[in-house]
Amino acid sequence: MIGYGGHSYDRAKFAGNEAIQLDSEGVDLDGDNIVDGFIDYWDISKPKNTNGTFEFTATSINNAAVSKSTSIYIK
């Protein structure tokens, strides 16, 4: 999942259960030494679900009042 907030600013759920964030790494897409976003890695294995909606919310590191959310159904 690609987010803008990075690590402690992001939240995710899968099938209604809180996902555990494993890692977050900054990404510089154009080589200008400025982080353009973050790739977040999530553990959605517990409790065991075979399908459901993955919901992700990224909150800006500059302004906690600004956030973006998205979701996808995983089958």
PDB file of N, CA and C in Angstrom:
ATOM      1  N   MET A   1       0.840  -1.153   0.000  1.00  0.00           N
ATOM      2  CA  MET A   1       0.000   0.000   0.000  1.00  0.00           C
ATOM      3  C   MET A   1       0.897   1.230   0.000  1.00  0.00           C
ATOM      4  N   ILE A   2       0.618   2.165  -0.853  1.00  0.00           N
ATOM      5  CA  ILE A   2       1.407   3.396  -0.895  1.00  0.00           C
ATOM      6  C   ILE A   2       0.622   4.492  -0.181  1.00  0.00           C
ATOM      7  N   GLY A   3       1.276   5.139   0.775  1.00  0.00           N
ATOM      8  CA  GLY A   3       0.639   6.205   1.538  1.00  0.00           C
ATOM      9  C   GLY A   3       1.507   7.446   1.573  1.00  0.00           C
ATOM     10  N   TYR A   4       0.966   8.532   2.101  1.00  0.00           N
ATOM     11  CA  TYR A   4       1.732   9.763   2.186  1.00  0.00           C
ATOM     12  C   TYR A   4       2.217  10.045   3.593  1.00  0.00           C
ATOM     13  N   GLY A   5       1.511   9.581   4.592  1.00  0.00           N
ATOM     14  CA  GLY A   5       1.847   9.933   5.974  1.00  0.00           C
ATOM     15  C   GLY A   5       3.084   9.238   6.503  1.00  0.00           C
ATOM     16  N   GLY A   6       3.190   7.966   6.269  1.00  0.00           N
ATOM     17  CA  GLY A   6       4.334   7.218   6.767  1.00  0.00           C
ATOM     18  C   GLY A   6       4.135   6.675   8.163  1.00  0.00           C
ATOM     19  N   HIS A   7       4.575   5.511   8.385  1.00  0.00           N
ATOM     20  CA  HIS A   7       4.559   4.692   9.588  1.00  0.00           C
ATOM     21  C   HIS A   7       3.457   5.021  10.590  1.00  0.00           C
ATOM     22  N   SER A   8       3.720   5.745  11.637  1.00  0.00           N
ATOM     23  CA  SER A   8       2.750   5.903  12.719  1.00  0.00           C
ATOM     24  C   SER A   8       1.545   6.764  12.336  1.00  0.00           C
ATOM     25  N   TYR A   9       1.541   7.356  11.171  1.00  0.00           N
ATOM     26  CA  TYR A   9       0.431   8.199  10.740  1.00  0.00           C
ATOM     27  C   TYR A   9      -0.625   7.416   9.960  1.00  0.00           C
ATOM     28  N   ASP A  10      -0.331   6.160   9.581  1.00  0.00           N
ATOM     29  CA  ASP A  10      -1.229   5.374   8.756  1.00  0.00           C
ATOM     30  C   ASP A  10      -1.974   4.325   9.569  1.00  0.00           C
ATOM     31  N   ARG A  11      -3.186   3.999   9.142  1.00  0.00           N
ATOM     32  CA  ARG A  11      -4.019   2.993   9.792  1.00  0.00           C
ATOM     33  C   ARG A  11      -4.645   2.119   8.713  1.00  0.00           C
ATOM     34  N   ALA A  12      -4.848   0.837   9.054  1.00  0.00           N
ATOM     35  CA  ALA A  12      -5.499  -0.071   8.120  1.00  0.00           C
ATOM     36  C   ALA A  12      -6.313  -1.109   8.872  1.00  0.00           C
ATOM     37  N   LYS A  13      -7.359  -1.592   8.196  1.00  0.00           N
ATOM     38  CA  LYS A  13      -8.185  -2.677   8.710  1.00  0.00           C
ATOM     39  C   LYS A  13      -8.424  -3.655   7.571  1.00  0.00           C
ATOM     40  N   PHE A  14      -8.585  -4.928   7.941  1.00  0.00           N
ATOM     41  CA  PHE A  14      -8.987  -5.934   6.969  1.00  0.00           C
ATOM     42  C   PHE A  14     -10.133  -6.723   7.563  1.00  0.00           C
ATOM     43  N   ALA A  15     -11.249  -6.759   6.848  1.00  0.00           N
ATOM     44  CA  ALA A  15     -12.459  -7.456   7.298  1.00  0.00           C
ATOM     45  C   ALA A  15     -12.877  -6.984   8.693  1.00  0.00           C
ATOM     46  N   GLY A  16     -12.706  -5.681   8.960  1.00  0.00           N
ATOM     47  CA  GLY A  16     -13.115  -5.104  10.227  1.00  0.00           C
ATOM     48  C   GLY A  16     -12.111  -5.221  11.363  1.00  0.00           C
ATOM     49  N   ASN A  17     -10.991  -5.900  11.122  1.00  0.00           N
ATOM     50  CA  ASN A  17      -9.967  -6.088  12.151  1.00  0.00           C
ATOM     51  C   ASN A  17      -8.775  -5.185  11.892  1.00  0.00           C
ATOM     52  N   GLU A  18      -8.200  -4.619  12.960  1.00  0.00           N
ATOM     53  CA  GLU A  18      -7.022  -3.771  12.820  1.00  0.00           C
ATOM     54  C   GLU A  18      -5.869  -4.562  12.196  1.00  0.00           C
ATOM     55  N   ALA A  19      -5.242  -4.008  11.177  1.00  0.00           N
ATOM     56  CA  ALA A  19      -4.058  -4.614  10.563  1.00  0.00           C
ATOM     57  C   ALA A  19      -2.823  -4.140  11.332  1.00  0.00           C
ATOM     58  N   ILE A  20      -1.804  -4.964  11.349  1.00  0.00           N
ATOM     59  CA  ILE A  20      -0.553  -4.627  12.032  1.00  0.00           C
ATOM     60  C   ILE A  20       0.454  -4.130  10.998  1.00  0.00           C
ATOM     61  N   GLN A  21       0.948  -2.910  11.192  1.00  0.00           N
ATOM     62  CA  GLN A  21       1.932  -2.373  10.253  1.00  0.00           C
ATOM     63  C   GLN A  21       3.301  -2.972  10.556  1.00  0.00           C
ATOM     64  N   LEU A  22       3.886  -3.618   9.556  1.00  0.00           N
ATOM     65  CA  LEU A  22       5.182  -4.267   9.712  1.00  0.00           C
ATOM     66  C   LEU A  22       6.342  -3.338   9.395  1.00  0.00           C
ATOM     67  N   ASP A  23       6.172  -2.492   8.401  1.00  0.00           N
ATOM     68  CA  ASP A  23       7.267  -1.617   7.975  1.00  0.00           C
ATOM     69  C   ASP A  23       6.711  -0.494   7.121  1.00  0.00           C
ATOM     70  N   SER A  24       7.476   0.550   6.975  1.00  0.00           N
ATOM     71  CA  SER A  24       7.146   1.679   6.121  1.00  0.00           C
ATOM     72  C   SER A  24       8.449   2.234   5.582  1.00  0.00           C
ATOM     73  N   GLU A  25       8.545   2.341   4.268  1.00  0.00           N
ATOM     74  CA  GLU A  25       9.788   2.871   3.694  1.00  0.00           C
ATOM     75  C   GLU A  25       9.493   4.030   2.749  1.00  0.00           C
ATOM     76  N   GLY A  26      10.300   5.063   2.864  1.00  0.00           N
ATOM     77  CA  GLY A  26      10.153   6.229   2.003  1.00  0.00           C
ATOM     78  C   GLY A  26      10.542   5.902   0.578  1.00  0.00           C
ATOM     79  N   VAL A  27       9.859   6.550  -0.373  1.00  0.00           N
ATOM     80  CA  VAL A  27      10.119   6.333  -1.794  1.00  0.00           C
ATOM     81  C   VAL A  27      10.398   7.679  -2.454  1.00  0.00           C
ATOM     82  N   ASP A  28      11.500   7.746  -3.181  1.00  0.00           N
ATOM     83  CA  ASP A  28      11.870   8.929  -3.963  1.00  0.00           C
ATOM     84  C   ASP A  28      11.694   8.552  -5.431  1.00  0.00           C
ATOM     85  N   LEU A  29      10.601   8.961  -6.035  1.00  0.00           N
ATOM     86  CA  LEU A  29      10.261   8.530  -7.390  1.00  0.00           C
ATOM     87  C   LEU A  29      11.098   9.182  -8.486  1.00  0.00           C
ATOM     88  N   ASP A  30      11.624  10.371  -8.235  1.00  0.00           N
ATOM     89  CA  ASP A  30      12.327  11.075  -9.306  1.00  0.00           C
ATOM     90  C   ASP A  30      13.793  11.383  -9.001  1.00  0.00           C
ATOM     91  N   GLY A  31      14.330  10.795  -7.946  1.00  0.00           N
ATOM     92  CA  GLY A  31      15.754  10.936  -7.654  1.00  0.00           C
ATOM     93  C   GLY A  31      16.193  12.295  -7.148  1.00  0.00           C
ATOM     94  N   ASP A  32      15.261  13.103  -6.617  1.00  0.00           N
ATOM     95  CA  ASP A  32      15.623  14.447  -6.154  1.00  0.00           C
ATOM     96  C   ASP A  32      15.919  14.495  -4.649  1.00  0.00           C
ATOM     97  N   ASN A  33      16.039  13.326  -4.011  1.00  0.00           N
ATOM     98  CA  ASN A  33      16.321  13.211  -2.575  1.00  0.00           C
ATOM     99  C   ASN A  33      15.214  13.776  -1.691  1.00  0.00           C
ATOM    100  N   ILE A  34      13.986  13.821  -2.229  1.00  0.00           N
ATOM    101  CA  ILE A  34      12.806  14.213  -1.461  1.00  0.00           C
ATOM    102  C   ILE A  34      11.851  13.022  -1.466  1.00  0.00           C
ATOM    103  N   VAL A  35      11.399  12.623  -0.284  1.00  0.00           N
ATOM    104  CA  VAL A  35      10.472  11.494  -0.187  1.00  0.00           C
ATOM    105  C   VAL A  35       9.123  11.908  -0.780  1.00  0.00           C
ATOM    106  N   ASP A  36       8.683  11.160  -1.800  1.00  0.00           N
ATOM    107  CA  ASP A  36       7.420  11.445  -2.475  1.00  0.00           C
ATOM    108  C   ASP A  36       6.248  10.696  -1.850  1.00  0.00           C
ATOM    109  N   GLY A  37       6.509   9.652  -1.115  1.00  0.00           N
ATOM    110  CA  GLY A  37       5.469   8.835  -0.494  1.00  0.00           C
ATOM    111  C   GLY A  37       6.114   7.703   0.280  1.00  0.00           C
ATOM    112  N   PHE A  38       5.296   6.800   0.778  1.00  0.00           N
ATOM    113  CA  PHE A  38       5.782   5.676   1.560  1.00  0.00           C
ATOM    114  C   PHE A  38       5.135   4.390   1.076  1.00  0.00           C
ATOM    115  N   ILE A  39       5.875   3.297   1.091  1.00  0.00           N
ATOM    116  CA  ILE A  39       5.305   1.971   0.879  1.00  0.00           C
ATOM    117  C   ILE A  39       5.155   1.343   2.250  1.00  0.00           C
ATOM    118  N   ASP A  40       3.924   0.955   2.569  1.00  0.00           N
ATOM    119  CA  ASP A  40       3.625   0.373   3.873  1.00  0.00           C
ATOM    120  C   ASP A  40       3.354  -1.115   3.714  1.00  0.00           C
ATOM    121  N   TYR A  41       3.863  -1.901   4.646  1.00  0.00           N
ATOM    122  CA  TYR A  41       3.665  -3.346   4.650  1.00  0.00           C
ATOM    123  C   TYR A  41       2.805  -3.697   5.859  1.00  0.00           C
ATOM    124  N   TRP A  42       1.719  -4.459   5.623  1.00  0.00           N
ATOM    125  CA  TRP A  42       0.737  -4.764   6.657  1.00  0.00           C
ATOM    126  C   TRP A  42       0.574  -6.269   6.829  1.00  0.00           C
ATOM    127  N   ASP A  43       0.372  -6.696   8.072  1.00  0.00           N
ATOM    128  CA  ASP A  43       0.036  -8.080   8.380  1.00  0.00           C
ATOM    129  C   ASP A  43      -1.479  -8.138   8.576  1.00  0.00           C
ATOM    130  N   ILE A  44      -2.159  -8.854   7.673  1.00  0.00           N
ATOM    131  CA  ILE A  44      -3.616  -8.989   7.765  1.00  0.00           C
ATOM    132  C   ILE A  44      -4.007 -10.447   8.033  1.00  0.00           C
ATOM    133  N   SER A  45      -3.078 -11.221   8.586  1.00  0.00           N
ATOM    134  CA  SER A  45      -3.303 -12.652   8.765  1.00  0.00           C
ATOM    135  C   SER A  45      -4.076 -13.012  10.035  1.00  0.00           C
ATOM    136  N   LYS A  46      -4.228 -12.084  10.970  1.00  0.00           N
ATOM    137  CA  LYS A  46      -4.908 -12.407  12.232  1.00  0.00           C
ATOM    138  C   LYS A  46      -5.966 -11.374  12.554  1.00  0.00           C
ATOM    139  N   PRO A  47      -7.173 -11.800  12.913  1.00  0.00           N
ATOM    140  CA  PRO A  47      -7.612 -13.189  12.833  1.00  0.00           C
ATOM    141  C   PRO A  47      -7.734 -13.625  11.375  1.00  0.00           C
ATOM    142  N   LYS A  48      -7.725 -14.916  11.177  1.00  0.00           N
ATOM    143  CA  LYS A  48      -7.700 -15.458   9.815  1.00  0.00           C
ATOM    144  C   LYS A  48      -8.975 -15.097   9.061  1.00  0.00           C
ATOM    145  N   ASN A  49      -8.802 -14.442   7.952  1.00  0.00           N
ATOM    146  CA  ASN A  49      -9.903 -14.092   7.051  1.00  0.00           C
ATOM    147  C   ASN A  49      -9.523 -14.530   5.644  1.00  0.00           C
ATOM    148  N   THR A  50     -10.471 -15.050   4.912  1.00  0.00           N
ATOM    149  CA  THR A  50     -10.173 -15.445   3.536  1.00  0.00           C
ATOM    150  C   THR A  50     -10.531 -14.347   2.556  1.00  0.00           C
ATOM    151  N   ASN A  51     -11.458 -13.474   2.946  1.00  0.00           N
ATOM    152  CA  ASN A  51     -11.777 -12.340   2.085  1.00  0.00           C
ATOM    153  C   ASN A  51     -12.385 -11.231   2.932  1.00  0.00           C
ATOM    154  N   GLY A  52     -12.434 -10.060   2.357  1.00  0.00           N
ATOM    155  CA  GLY A  52     -13.001  -8.914   3.062  1.00  0.00           C
ATOM    156  C   GLY A  52     -12.468  -7.615   2.494  1.00  0.00           C
ATOM    157  N   THR A  53     -12.881  -6.524   3.081  1.00  0.00           N
ATOM    158  CA  THR A  53     -12.466  -5.199   2.624  1.00  0.00           C
ATOM    159  C   THR A  53     -11.226  -4.748   3.384  1.00  0.00           C
ATOM    160  N   PHE A  54     -10.200  -4.359   2.634  1.00  0.00           N
ATOM    161  CA  PHE A  54      -9.001  -3.753   3.206  1.00  0.00           C
ATOM    162  C   PHE A  54      -9.209  -2.250   3.140  1.00  0.00           C
ATOM    163  N   GLU A  55      -9.210  -1.591   4.295  1.00  0.00           N
ATOM    164  CA  GLU A  55      -9.408  -0.145   4.381  1.00  0.00           C
ATOM    165  C   GLU A  55      -8.111   0.502   4.851  1.00  0.00           C
ATOM    166  N   PHE A  56      -7.682   1.547   4.174  1.00  0.00           N
ATOM    167  CA  PHE A  56      -6.418   2.213   4.475  1.00  0.00           C
ATOM    168  C   PHE A  56      -6.645   3.710   4.600  1.00  0.00           C
ATOM    169  N   THR A  57      -6.071   4.301   5.648  1.00  0.00           N
ATOM    170  CA  THR A  57      -6.128   5.753   5.828  1.00  0.00           C
ATOM    171  C   THR A  57      -4.721   6.277   6.077  1.00  0.00           C
ATOM    172  N   ALA A  58      -4.311   7.258   5.286  1.00  0.00           N
ATOM    173  CA  ALA A  58      -3.018   7.920   5.448  1.00  0.00           C
ATOM    174  C   ALA A  58      -3.276   9.346   5.917  1.00  0.00           C
ATOM    175  N   THR A  59      -2.592   9.741   6.976  1.00  0.00           N
ATOM    176  CA  THR A  59      -2.710  11.093   7.519  1.00  0.00           C
ATOM    177  C   THR A  59      -1.417  11.850   7.245  1.00  0.00           C
ATOM    178  N   SER A  60      -1.542  13.085   6.824  1.00  0.00           N
ATOM    179  CA  SER A  60      -0.383  13.912   6.499  1.00  0.00           C
ATOM    180  C   SER A  60       0.529  14.101   7.710  1.00  0.00           C
ATOM    181  N   ILE A  61       1.838  14.030   7.485  1.00  0.00           N
ATOM    182  CA  ILE A  61       2.789  14.298   8.565  1.00  0.00           C
ATOM    183  C   ILE A  61       2.884  15.799   8.848  1.00  0.00           C
ATOM    184  N   ASN A  62       2.384  16.634   7.928  1.00  0.00           N
ATOM    185  CA  ASN A  62       2.444  18.081   8.090  1.00  0.00           C
ATOM    186  C   ASN A  62       1.205  18.661   8.764  1.00  0.00           C
ATOM    187  N   ASN A  63       0.070  17.961   8.631  1.00  0.00           N
ATOM    188  CA  ASN A  63      -1.178  18.471   9.172  1.00  0.00           C
ATOM    189  C   ASN A  63      -2.079  17.280   9.506  1.00  0.00           C
ATOM    190  N   ALA A  64      -2.223  16.971  10.778  1.00  0.00           N
ATOM    191  CA  ALA A  64      -2.988  15.800  11.213  1.00  0.00           C
ATOM    192  C   ALA A  64      -4.462  15.878  10.841  1.00  0.00           C
ATOM    193  N   ALA A  65      -4.949  17.057  10.471  1.00  0.00           N
ATOM    194  CA  ALA A  65      -6.342  17.195  10.066  1.00  0.00           C
ATOM    195  C   ALA A  65      -6.570  16.756   8.621  1.00  0.00           C
ATOM    196  N   VAL A  66      -5.488  16.499   7.882  1.00  0.00           N
ATOM    197  CA  VAL A  66      -5.596  16.109   6.474  1.00  0.00           C
ATOM    198  C   VAL A  66      -5.309  14.621   6.346  1.00  0.00           C
ATOM    199  N   SER A  67      -6.296  13.883   5.842  1.00  0.00           N
ATOM    200  CA  SER A  67      -6.095  12.452   5.619  1.00  0.00           C
ATOM    201  C   SER A  67      -6.829  12.019   4.361  1.00  0.00           C
ATOM    202  N   LYS A  68      -6.386  10.911   3.804  1.00  0.00           N
ATOM    203  CA  LYS A  68      -6.993  10.316   2.618  1.00  0.00           C
ATOM    204  C   LYS A  68      -7.234   8.843   2.923  1.00  0.00           C
ATOM    205  N   SER A  69      -8.352   8.329   2.462  1.00  0.00           N
ATOM    206  CA  SER A  69      -8.694   6.933   2.694  1.00  0.00           C
ATOM    207  C   SER A  69      -9.056   6.259   1.391  1.00  0.00           C
ATOM    208  N   THR A  70      -8.835   4.935   1.356  1.00  0.00           N
ATOM    209  CA  THR A  70      -9.243   4.140   0.205  1.00  0.00           C
ATOM    210  C   THR A  70      -9.524   2.733   0.696  1.00  0.00           C
ATOM    211  N   SER A  71     -10.183   1.947  -0.127  1.00  0.00           N
ATOM    212  CA  SER A  71     -10.458   0.571   0.233  1.00  0.00           C
ATOM    213  C   SER A  71     -10.523  -0.293  -1.011  1.00  0.00           C
ATOM    214  N   ILE A  72     -10.300  -1.600  -0.793  1.00  0.00           N
ATOM    215  CA  ILE A  72     -10.397  -2.568  -1.871  1.00  0.00           C
ATOM    216  C   ILE A  72     -10.910  -3.869  -1.278  1.00  0.00           C
ATOM    217  N   TYR A  73     -11.786  -4.553  -2.017  1.00  0.00           N
ATOM    218  CA  TYR A  73     -12.301  -5.822  -1.555  1.00  0.00           C
ATOM    219  C   TYR A  73     -11.344  -6.919  -2.023  1.00  0.00           C
ATOM    220  N   ILE A  74     -10.855  -7.729  -1.090  1.00  0.00           N
ATOM    221  CA  ILE A  74      -9.920  -8.818  -1.394  1.00  0.00           C
ATOM    222  C   ILE A  74     -10.689 -10.127  -1.293  1.00  0.00           C
ATOM    223  N   LYS A  75     -10.654 -10.901  -2.374  1.00  0.00           N
ATOM    224  CA  LYS A  75     -11.392 -12.153  -2.420  1.00  0.00           C
ATOM    225  C   LYS A  75     -10.449 -13.338  -2.474  1.00  0.00           C
TER     226      LYS A  75
END
